[in-house]
Amino acid sequence: MSVEEILKSGKYHLIDVREPMELEMDGEIESAVNIPLGELEDRKQEVEQLDGPKIFFCRSGNRSGKALEFFKSENMSDIYNGGGYSDVKHTLENL
């Protein structure tokens, strides 16, 4: 299943791994949970408790890829790299 298909389904969790200052500068997606990449390990349980698909995103897709690698190493499934903030925002606006 593609990220776009998951977003169209309406059943997902968005996890923004950017730093809080980036959200202030660039904007944010209201329904997304902000867990900066450097806090993922400490807040792992928070992500594990979310039911359904989890889509990580950041500014460009690099950090969200690292988040995906981390959770794959923790044997988590139903996780996706949404890429950059503007990509996710654009897809949501055009559903």
PDB file of N, CA and C in Angstrom:
ATOM      1  N   MET A   1       0.844  -1.183   0.000  1.00  0.00           N
ATOM      2  CA  MET A   1       0.000   0.000   0.000  1.00  0.00           C
ATOM      3  C   MET A   1       0.891   1.249   0.000  1.00  0.00           C
ATOM      4  N   SER A   2       0.547   2.211  -0.817  1.00  0.00           N
ATOM      5  CA  SER A   2       1.344   3.438  -0.884  1.00  0.00           C
ATOM      6  C   SER A   2       0.912   4.419   0.203  1.00  0.00           C
ATOM      7  N   VAL A   3       1.773   5.387   0.480  1.00  0.00           N
ATOM      8  CA  VAL A   3       1.460   6.420   1.465  1.00  0.00           C
ATOM      9  C   VAL A   3       0.202   7.173   1.030  1.00  0.00           C
ATOM     10  N   GLU A   4       0.092   7.471  -0.247  1.00  0.00           N
ATOM     11  CA  GLU A   4      -1.080   8.194  -0.739  1.00  0.00           C
ATOM     12  C   GLU A   4      -2.364   7.389  -0.497  1.00  0.00           C
ATOM     13  N   GLU A   5      -2.314   6.087  -0.730  1.00  0.00           N
ATOM     14  CA  GLU A   5      -3.487   5.232  -0.491  1.00  0.00           C
ATOM     15  C   GLU A   5      -3.862   5.218   0.988  1.00  0.00           C
ATOM     16  N   ILE A   6      -2.846   5.184   1.835  1.00  0.00           N
ATOM     17  CA  ILE A   6      -3.104   5.190   3.285  1.00  0.00           C
ATOM     18  C   ILE A   6      -3.733   6.520   3.690  1.00  0.00           C
ATOM     19  N   LEU A   7      -3.188   7.623   3.180  1.00  0.00           N
ATOM     20  CA  LEU A   7      -3.754   8.936   3.506  1.00  0.00           C
ATOM     21  C   LEU A   7      -5.197   9.040   3.016  1.00  0.00           C
ATOM     22  N   LYS A   8      -5.482   8.485   1.856  1.00  0.00           N
ATOM     23  CA  LYS A   8      -6.852   8.500   1.323  1.00  0.00           C
ATOM     24  C   LYS A   8      -7.797   7.689   2.207  1.00  0.00           C
ATOM     25  N   SER A   9      -7.278   6.640   2.841  1.00  0.00           N
ATOM     26  CA  SER A   9      -8.121   5.780   3.687  1.00  0.00           C
ATOM     27  C   SER A   9      -8.613   6.511   4.930  1.00  0.00           C
ATOM     28  N   GLY A  10      -7.827   7.519   5.369  1.00  0.00           N
ATOM     29  CA  GLY A  10      -8.195   8.268   6.569  1.00  0.00           C
ATOM     30  C   GLY A  10      -7.850   7.553   7.866  1.00  0.00           C
ATOM     31  N   LYS A  11      -7.252   6.380   7.764  1.00  0.00           N
ATOM     32  CA  LYS A  11      -6.911   5.604   8.963  1.00  0.00           C
ATOM     33  C   LYS A  11      -5.394   5.493   9.061  1.00  0.00           C
ATOM     34  N   TYR A  12      -4.794   6.427   9.767  1.00  0.00           N
ATOM     35  CA  TYR A  12      -3.345   6.481   9.881  1.00  0.00           C
ATOM     36  C   TYR A  12      -2.958   7.407  11.033  1.00  0.00           C
ATOM     37  N   HIS A  13      -1.680   7.363  11.374  1.00  0.00           N
ATOM     38  CA  HIS A  13      -1.097   8.296  12.343  1.00  0.00           C
ATOM     39  C   HIS A  13       0.098   8.954  11.666  1.00  0.00           C
ATOM     40  N   LEU A  14       0.157  10.265  11.700  1.00  0.00           N
ATOM     41  CA  LEU A  14       1.292  11.017  11.165  1.00  0.00           C
ATOM     42  C   LEU A  14       2.246  11.354  12.296  1.00  0.00           C
ATOM     43  N   ILE A  15       3.519  11.080  12.065  1.00  0.00           N
ATOM     44  CA  ILE A  15       4.534  11.376  13.067  1.00  0.00           C
ATOM     45  C   ILE A  15       5.592  12.268  12.416  1.00  0.00           C
ATOM     46  N   ASP A  16       5.657  13.493  12.891  1.00  0.00           N
ATOM     47  CA  ASP A  16       6.569  14.506  12.369  1.00  0.00           C
ATOM     48  C   ASP A  16       7.844  14.446  13.186  1.00  0.00           C
ATOM     49  N   VAL A  17       8.968  14.067  12.548  1.00  0.00           N
ATOM     50  CA  VAL A  17      10.218  13.903  13.291  1.00  0.00           C
ATOM     51  C   VAL A  17      11.124  15.137  13.195  1.00  0.00           C
ATOM     52  N   ARG A  18      10.560  16.274  12.770  1.00  0.00           N
ATOM     53  CA  ARG A  18      11.325  17.528  12.736  1.00  0.00           C
ATOM     54  C   ARG A  18      11.426  18.117  14.142  1.00  0.00           C
ATOM     55  N   GLU A  19      12.340  19.050  14.289  1.00  0.00           N
ATOM     56  CA  GLU A  19      12.514  19.766  15.557  1.00  0.00           C
ATOM     57  C   GLU A  19      11.396  20.796  15.714  1.00  0.00           C
ATOM     58  N   PRO A  20      10.989  21.109  16.953  1.00  0.00           N
ATOM     59  CA  PRO A  20       9.918  22.080  17.180  1.00  0.00           C
ATOM     60  C   PRO A  20      10.125  23.417  16.471  1.00  0.00           C
ATOM     61  N   MET A  21      11.366  23.899  16.404  1.00  0.00           N
ATOM     62  CA  MET A  21      11.609  25.180  15.741  1.00  0.00           C
ATOM     63  C   MET A  21      11.296  25.100  14.248  1.00  0.00           C
ATOM     64  N   GLU A  22      11.456  23.921  13.646  1.00  0.00           N
ATOM     65  CA  GLU A  22      11.123  23.750  12.226  1.00  0.00           C
ATOM     66  C   GLU A  22       9.617  23.867  12.000  1.00  0.00           C
ATOM     67  N   LEU A  23       8.843  23.375  12.951  1.00  0.00           N
ATOM     68  CA  LEU A  23       7.391  23.470  12.845  1.00  0.00           C
ATOM     69  C   LEU A  23       6.973  24.934  12.869  1.00  0.00           C
ATOM     70  N   GLU A  24       7.620  25.706  13.737  1.00  0.00           N
ATOM     71  CA  GLU A  24       7.312  27.139  13.820  1.00  0.00           C
ATOM     72  C   GLU A  24       7.695  27.867  12.540  1.00  0.00           C
ATOM     73  N   MET A  25       8.823  27.489  11.955  1.00  0.00           N
ATOM     74  CA  MET A  25       9.318  28.164  10.753  1.00  0.00           C
ATOM     75  C   MET A  25       8.569  27.730   9.489  1.00  0.00           C
ATOM     76  N   ASP A  26       8.372  26.445   9.333  1.00  0.00           N
ATOM     77  CA  ASP A  26       7.856  25.908   8.076  1.00  0.00           C
ATOM     78  C   ASP A  26       6.370  25.571   8.094  1.00  0.00           C
ATOM     79  N   GLY A  27       5.810  25.437   9.283  1.00  0.00           N
ATOM     80  CA  GLY A  27       4.412  25.040   9.403  1.00  0.00           C
ATOM     81  C   GLY A  27       4.305  23.606   9.885  1.00  0.00           C
ATOM     82  N   GLU A  28       3.081  23.212  10.195  1.00  0.00           N
ATOM     83  CA  GLU A  28       2.861  21.868  10.697  1.00  0.00           C
ATOM     84  C   GLU A  28       1.530  21.332  10.207  1.00  0.00           C
ATOM     85  N   ILE A  29       1.368  20.042  10.332  1.00  0.00           N
ATOM     86  CA  ILE A  29       0.111  19.389  10.004  1.00  0.00           C
ATOM     87  C   ILE A  29      -0.591  19.130  11.326  1.00  0.00           C
ATOM     88  N   GLU A  30      -1.768  19.688  11.449  1.00  0.00           N
ATOM     89  CA  GLU A  30      -2.476  19.692  12.729  1.00  0.00           C
ATOM     90  C   GLU A  30      -2.637  18.308  13.348  1.00  0.00           C
ATOM     91  N   SER A  31      -2.913  17.303  12.543  1.00  0.00           N
ATOM     92  CA  SER A  31      -3.177  15.968  13.083  1.00  0.00           C
ATOM     93  C   SER A  31      -1.903  15.183  13.398  1.00  0.00           C
ATOM     94  N   ALA A  32      -0.738  15.729  13.072  1.00  0.00           N
ATOM     95  CA  ALA A  32       0.521  15.011  13.287  1.00  0.00           C
ATOM     96  C   ALA A  32       1.016  15.156  14.721  1.00  0.00           C
ATOM     97  N   VAL A  33       1.655  14.099  15.195  1.00  0.00           N
ATOM     98  CA  VAL A  33       2.317  14.106  16.495  1.00  0.00           C
ATOM     99  C   VAL A  33       3.776  14.468  16.235  1.00  0.00           C
ATOM    100  N   ASN A  34       4.303  15.420  16.981  1.00  0.00           N
ATOM    101  CA  ASN A  34       5.701  15.811  16.815  1.00  0.00           C
ATOM    102  C   ASN A  34       6.567  15.047  17.798  1.00  0.00           C
ATOM    103  N   ILE A  35       7.426  14.174  17.254  1.00  0.00           N
ATOM    104  CA  ILE A  35       8.415  13.465  18.054  1.00  0.00           C
ATOM    105  C   ILE A  35       9.743  13.624  17.311  1.00  0.00           C
ATOM    106  N   PRO A  36      10.558  14.602  17.707  1.00  0.00           N
ATOM    107  CA  PRO A  36      11.834  14.811  17.014  1.00  0.00           C
ATOM    108  C   PRO A  36      12.651  13.526  16.948  1.00  0.00           C
ATOM    109  N   LEU A  37      13.383  13.362  15.852  1.00  0.00           N
ATOM    110  CA  LEU A  37      14.158  12.147  15.625  1.00  0.00           C
ATOM    111  C   LEU A  37      15.006  11.767  16.833  1.00  0.00           C
ATOM    112  N   GLY A  38      15.648  12.745  17.468  1.00  0.00           N
ATOM    113  CA  GLY A  38      16.502  12.472  18.616  1.00  0.00           C
ATOM    114  C   GLY A  38      15.758  11.968  19.849  1.00  0.00           C
ATOM    115  N   GLU A  39      14.437  12.076  19.851  1.00  0.00           N
ATOM    116  CA  GLU A  39      13.632  11.620  20.988  1.00  0.00           C
ATOM    117  C   GLU A  39      12.932  10.291  20.720  1.00  0.00           C
ATOM    118  N   LEU A  40      13.061   9.763  19.503  1.00  0.00           N
ATOM    119  CA  LEU A  40      12.306   8.557  19.144  1.00  0.00           C
ATOM    120  C   LEU A  40      12.587   7.369  20.048  1.00  0.00           C
ATOM    121  N   GLU A  41      13.855   7.146  20.346  1.00  0.00           N
ATOM    122  CA  GLU A  41      14.181   5.990  21.177  1.00  0.00           C
ATOM    123  C   GLU A  41      13.531   6.102  22.553  1.00  0.00           C
ATOM    124  N   ASP A  42      13.587   7.292  23.162  1.00  0.00           N
ATOM    125  CA  ASP A  42      12.989   7.493  24.483  1.00  0.00           C
ATOM    126  C   ASP A  42      11.463   7.450  24.435  1.00  0.00           C
ATOM    127  N   ARG A  43      10.880   7.797  23.298  1.00  0.00           N
ATOM    128  CA  ARG A  43       9.415   7.863  23.173  1.00  0.00           C
ATOM    129  C   ARG A  43       8.864   6.719  22.319  1.00  0.00           C
ATOM    130  N   LYS A  44       9.659   5.665  22.202  1.00  0.00           N
ATOM    131  CA  LYS A  44       9.309   4.509  21.375  1.00  0.00           C
ATOM    132  C   LYS A  44       7.937   3.937  21.734  1.00  0.00           C
ATOM    133  N   GLN A  45       7.667   3.835  23.021  1.00  0.00           N
ATOM    134  CA  GLN A  45       6.400   3.268  23.484  1.00  0.00           C
ATOM    135  C   GLN A  45       5.206   4.075  22.980  1.00  0.00           C
ATOM    136  N   GLU A  46       5.362   5.369  22.917  1.00  0.00           N
ATOM    137  CA  GLU A  46       4.310   6.258  22.430  1.00  0.00           C
ATOM    138  C   GLU A  46       3.907   5.882  20.997  1.00  0.00           C
ATOM    139  N   VAL A  47       4.897   5.563  20.191  1.00  0.00           N
ATOM    140  CA  VAL A  47       4.643   5.175  18.800  1.00  0.00           C
ATOM    141  C   VAL A  47       4.072   3.764  18.745  1.00  0.00           C
ATOM    142  N   GLU A  48       4.621   2.874  19.541  1.00  0.00           N
ATOM    143  CA  GLU A  48       4.160   1.480  19.542  1.00  0.00           C
ATOM    144  C   GLU A  48       2.692   1.361  19.936  1.00  0.00           C
ATOM    145  N   GLN A  49       2.192   2.273  20.725  1.00  0.00           N
ATOM    146  CA  GLN A  49       0.811   2.216  21.189  1.00  0.00           C
ATOM    147  C   GLN A  49      -0.201   2.687  20.145  1.00  0.00           C
ATOM    148  N   LEU A  50       0.270   3.281  19.062  1.00  0.00           N
ATOM    149  CA  LEU A  50      -0.634   3.770  18.023  1.00  0.00           C
ATOM    150  C   LEU A  50      -1.092   2.607  17.150  1.00  0.00           C
ATOM    151  N   ASP A  51      -2.396   2.466  16.987  1.00  0.00           N
ATOM    152  CA  ASP A  51      -2.946   1.402  16.145  1.00  0.00           C
ATOM    153  C   ASP A  51      -3.002   1.856  14.698  1.00  0.00           C
ATOM    154  N   GLY A  52      -2.739   0.939  13.795  1.00  0.00           N
ATOM    155  CA  GLY A  52      -2.850   1.243  12.381  1.00  0.00           C
ATOM    156  C   GLY A  52      -1.561   1.776  11.793  1.00  0.00           C
ATOM    157  N   PRO A  53      -1.610   2.158  10.521  1.00  0.00           N
ATOM    158  CA  PRO A  53      -0.416   2.635   9.828  1.00  0.00           C
ATOM    159  C   PRO A  53       0.154   3.902  10.460  1.00  0.00           C
ATOM    160  N   LYS A  54       1.487   3.934  10.518  1.00  0.00           N
ATOM    161  CA  LYS A  54       2.190   5.092  11.047  1.00  0.00           C
ATOM    162  C   LYS A  54       3.066   5.650   9.929  1.00  0.00           C
ATOM    163  N   ILE A  55       2.867   6.929   9.602  1.00  0.00           N
ATOM    164  CA  ILE A  55       3.608   7.579   8.527  1.00  0.00           C
ATOM    165  C   ILE A  55       4.528   8.630   9.140  1.00  0.00           C
ATOM    166  N   PHE A  56       5.833   8.424   8.961  1.00  0.00           N
ATOM    167  CA  PHE A  56       6.830   9.371   9.454  1.00  0.00           C
ATOM    168  C   PHE A  56       7.143  10.374   8.352  1.00  0.00           C
ATOM    169  N   PHE A  57       7.371  11.622   8.732  1.00  0.00           N
ATOM    170  CA  PHE A  57       7.820  12.614   7.762  1.00  0.00           C
ATOM    171  C   PHE A  57       8.702  13.635   8.463  1.00  0.00           C
ATOM    172  N   CYS A  58       9.479  14.377   7.656  1.00  0.00           N
ATOM    173  CA  CYS A  58      10.373  15.411   8.181  1.00  0.00           C
ATOM    174  C   CYS A  58      10.434  16.530   7.154  1.00  0.00           C
ATOM    175  N   ARG A  59      11.545  17.179   7.002  1.00  0.00           N
ATOM    176  CA  ARG A  59      11.651  18.256   6.020  1.00  0.00           C
ATOM    177  C   ARG A  59      11.859  17.693   4.610  1.00  0.00           C
ATOM    178  N   SER A  60      12.716  16.689   4.480  1.00  0.00           N
ATOM    179  CA  SER A  60      13.071  16.189   3.152  1.00  0.00           C
ATOM    180  C   SER A  60      12.820  14.697   2.941  1.00  0.00           C
ATOM    181  N   GLY A  61      12.643  13.959   4.009  1.00  0.00           N
ATOM    182  CA  GLY A  61      12.480  12.509   3.917  1.00  0.00           C
ATOM    183  C   GLY A  61      13.667  11.744   4.472  1.00  0.00           C
ATOM    184  N   ASN A  62      14.768  12.433   4.738  1.00  0.00           N
ATOM    185  CA  ASN A  62      15.969  11.776   5.258  1.00  0.00           C
ATOM    186  C   ASN A  62      15.776  11.294   6.699  1.00  0.00           C
ATOM    187  N   ARG A  63      15.363  12.181   7.576  1.00  0.00           N
ATOM    188  CA  ARG A  63      15.175  11.795   8.988  1.00  0.00           C
ATOM    189  C   ARG A  63      14.025  10.817   9.151  1.00  0.00           C
ATOM    190  N   SER A  64      12.980  10.983   8.356  1.00  0.00           N
ATOM    191  CA  SER A  64      11.869  10.031   8.448  1.00  0.00           C
ATOM    192  C   SER A  64      12.333   8.649   7.993  1.00  0.00           C
ATOM    193  N   GLY A  65      13.278   8.594   7.052  1.00  0.00           N
ATOM    194  CA  GLY A  65      13.872   7.313   6.652  1.00  0.00           C
ATOM    195  C   GLY A  65      14.644   6.681   7.797  1.00  0.00           C
ATOM    196  N   LYS A  66      15.353   7.504   8.558  1.00  0.00           N
ATOM    197  CA  LYS A  66      16.085   7.001   9.727  1.00  0.00           C
ATOM    198  C   LYS A  66      15.113   6.506  10.799  1.00  0.00           C
ATOM    199  N   ALA A  67      14.003   7.216  10.962  1.00  0.00           N
ATOM    200  CA  ALA A  67      12.978   6.782  11.919  1.00  0.00           C
ATOM    201  C   ALA A  67      12.421   5.425  11.505  1.00  0.00           C
ATOM    202  N   LEU A  68      12.169   5.264  10.219  1.00  0.00           N
ATOM    203  CA  LEU A  68      11.659   4.006   9.690  1.00  0.00           C
ATOM    204  C   LEU A  68      12.650   2.872   9.947  1.00  0.00           C
ATOM    205  N   GLU A  69      13.932   3.120   9.680  1.00  0.00           N
ATOM    206  CA  GLU A  69      14.971   2.113   9.935  1.00  0.00           C
ATOM    207  C   GLU A  69      14.997   1.713  11.406  1.00  0.00           C
ATOM    208  N   PHE A  70      14.895   2.706  12.293  1.00  0.00           N
ATOM    209  CA  PHE A  70      14.905   2.413  13.728  1.00  0.00           C
ATOM    210  C   PHE A  70      13.745   1.499  14.101  1.00  0.00           C
ATOM    211  N   PHE A  71      12.537   1.844  13.661  1.00  0.00           N
ATOM    212  CA  PHE A  71      11.383   1.033  14.057  1.00  0.00           C
ATOM    213  C   PHE A  71      11.354  -0.324  13.366  1.00  0.00           C
ATOM    214  N   LYS A  72      11.924  -0.422  12.176  1.00  0.00           N
ATOM    215  CA  LYS A  72      12.062  -1.738  11.534  1.00  0.00           C
ATOM    216  C   LYS A  72      12.999  -2.609  12.357  1.00  0.00           C
ATOM    217  N   SER A  73      14.074  -2.016  12.884  1.00  0.00           N
ATOM    218  CA  SER A  73      15.016  -2.766  13.714  1.00  0.00           C
ATOM    219  C   SER A  73      14.372  -3.209  15.027  1.00  0.00           C
ATOM    220  N   GLU A  74      13.274  -2.546  15.391  1.00  0.00           N
ATOM    221  CA  GLU A  74      12.517  -2.904  16.599  1.00  0.00           C
ATOM    222  C   GLU A  74      11.355  -3.839  16.250  1.00  0.00           C
ATOM    223  N   ASN A  75      11.376  -4.362  15.025  1.00  0.00           N
ATOM    224  CA  ASN A  75      10.361  -5.304  14.521  1.00  0.00           C
ATOM    225  C   ASN A  75       8.960  -4.717  14.443  1.00  0.00           C
ATOM    226  N   MET A  76       8.858  -3.422  14.225  1.00  0.00           N
ATOM    227  CA  MET A  76       7.544  -2.794  14.056  1.00  0.00           C
ATOM    228  C   MET A  76       7.154  -2.883  12.585  1.00  0.00           C
ATOM    229  N   SER A  77       5.884  -3.137  12.358  1.00  0.00           N
ATOM    230  CA  SER A  77       5.382  -3.178  10.984  1.00  0.00           C
ATOM    231  C   SER A  77       4.316  -2.101  10.811  1.00  0.00           C
ATOM    232  N   ASP A  78       3.800  -1.999   9.624  1.00  0.00           N
ATOM    233  CA  ASP A  78       2.780  -1.000   9.293  1.00  0.00           C
ATOM    234  C   ASP A  78       3.312   0.419   9.483  1.00  0.00           C
ATOM    235  N   ILE A  79       4.588   0.617   9.072  1.00  0.00           N
ATOM    236  CA  ILE A  79       5.245   1.919   9.173  1.00  0.00           C
ATOM    237  C   ILE A  79       5.696   2.346   7.779  1.00  0.00           C
ATOM    238  N   TYR A  80       5.659   3.667   7.536  1.00  0.00           N
ATOM    239  CA  TYR A  80       5.928   4.187   6.199  1.00  0.00           C
ATOM    240  C   TYR A  80       6.701   5.496   6.279  1.00  0.00           C
ATOM    241  N   ASN A  81       7.493   5.758   5.234  1.00  0.00           N
ATOM    242  CA  ASN A  81       8.192   7.026   5.099  1.00  0.00           C
ATOM    243  C   ASN A  81       7.356   7.915   4.190  1.00  0.00           C
ATOM    244  N   GLY A  82       6.760   8.945   4.774  1.00  0.00           N
ATOM    245  CA  GLY A  82       5.947   9.871   4.000  1.00  0.00           C
ATOM    246  C   GLY A  82       6.765  10.895   3.256  1.00  0.00           C
ATOM    247  N   GLY A  83       8.085  10.946   3.523  1.00  0.00           N
ATOM    248  CA  GLY A  83       8.953  11.904   2.852  1.00  0.00           C
ATOM    249  C   GLY A  83       8.963  13.236   3.563  1.00  0.00           C
ATOM    250  N   GLY A  84       8.925  14.296   2.789  1.00  0.00           N
ATOM    251  CA  GLY A  84       8.999  15.636   3.334  1.00  0.00           C
ATOM    252  C   GLY A  84       7.652  16.200   3.738  1.00  0.00           C
ATOM    253  N   TYR A  85       7.701  17.177   4.612  1.00  0.00           N
ATOM    254  CA  TYR A  85       6.490  17.866   5.096  1.00  0.00           C
ATOM    255  C   TYR A  85       5.645  18.381   3.942  1.00  0.00           C
ATOM    256  N   SER A  86       6.283  19.038   2.981  1.00  0.00           N
ATOM    257  CA  SER A  86       5.515  19.622   1.883  1.00  0.00           C
ATOM    258  C   SER A  86       4.847  18.540   1.036  1.00  0.00           C
ATOM    259  N   ASP A  87       5.484  17.368   0.913  1.00  0.00           N
ATOM    260  CA  ASP A  87       4.883  16.257   0.162  1.00  0.00           C
ATOM    261  C   ASP A  87       3.614  15.758   0.846  1.00  0.00           C
ATOM    262  N   VAL A  88       3.713  15.545   2.146  1.00  0.00           N
ATOM    263  CA  VAL A  88       2.560  15.048   2.906  1.00  0.00           C
ATOM    264  C   VAL A  88       1.440  16.084   2.895  1.00  0.00           C
ATOM    265  N   LYS A  89       1.802  17.333   3.127  1.00  0.00           N
ATOM    266  CA  LYS A  89       0.809  18.406   3.145  1.00  0.00           C
ATOM    267  C   LYS A  89       0.103  18.514   1.793  1.00  0.00           C
ATOM    268  N   HIS A  90       0.869  18.466   0.719  1.00  0.00           N
ATOM    269  CA  HIS A  90       0.303  18.551  -0.630  1.00  0.00           C
ATOM    270  C   HIS A  90      -0.652  17.383  -0.887  1.00  0.00           C
ATOM    271  N   THR A  91      -0.262  16.189  -0.520  1.00  0.00           N
ATOM    272  CA  THR A  91      -1.130  15.024  -0.726  1.00  0.00           C
ATOM    273  C   THR A  91      -2.412  15.169   0.056  1.00  0.00           C
ATOM    274  N   LEU A  92      -2.327  15.593   1.322  1.00  0.00           N
ATOM    275  CA  LEU A  92      -3.524  15.754   2.156  1.00  0.00           C
ATOM    276  C   LEU A  92      -4.446  16.824   1.580  1.00  0.00           C
ATOM    277  N   GLU A  93      -3.877  17.902   1.062  1.00  0.00           N
ATOM    278  CA  GLU A  93      -4.687  18.991   0.511  1.00  0.00           C
ATOM    279  C   GLU A  93      -5.389  18.604  -0.786  1.00  0.00           C
ATOM    280  N   ASN A  94      -4.860  17.572  -1.454  1.00  0.00           N
ATOM    281  CA  ASN A  94      -5.418  17.186  -2.744  1.00  0.00           C
ATOM    282  C   ASN A  94      -6.162  15.860  -2.708  1.00  0.00           C
ATOM    283  N   LEU A  95      -6.575  15.437  -1.537  1.00  0.00           N
ATOM    284  CA  LEU A  95      -7.361  14.190  -1.434  1.00  0.00           C
ATOM    285  C   LEU A  95      -8.769  14.425  -1.916  1.00  0.00           C
TER     286      LEU A  95
END
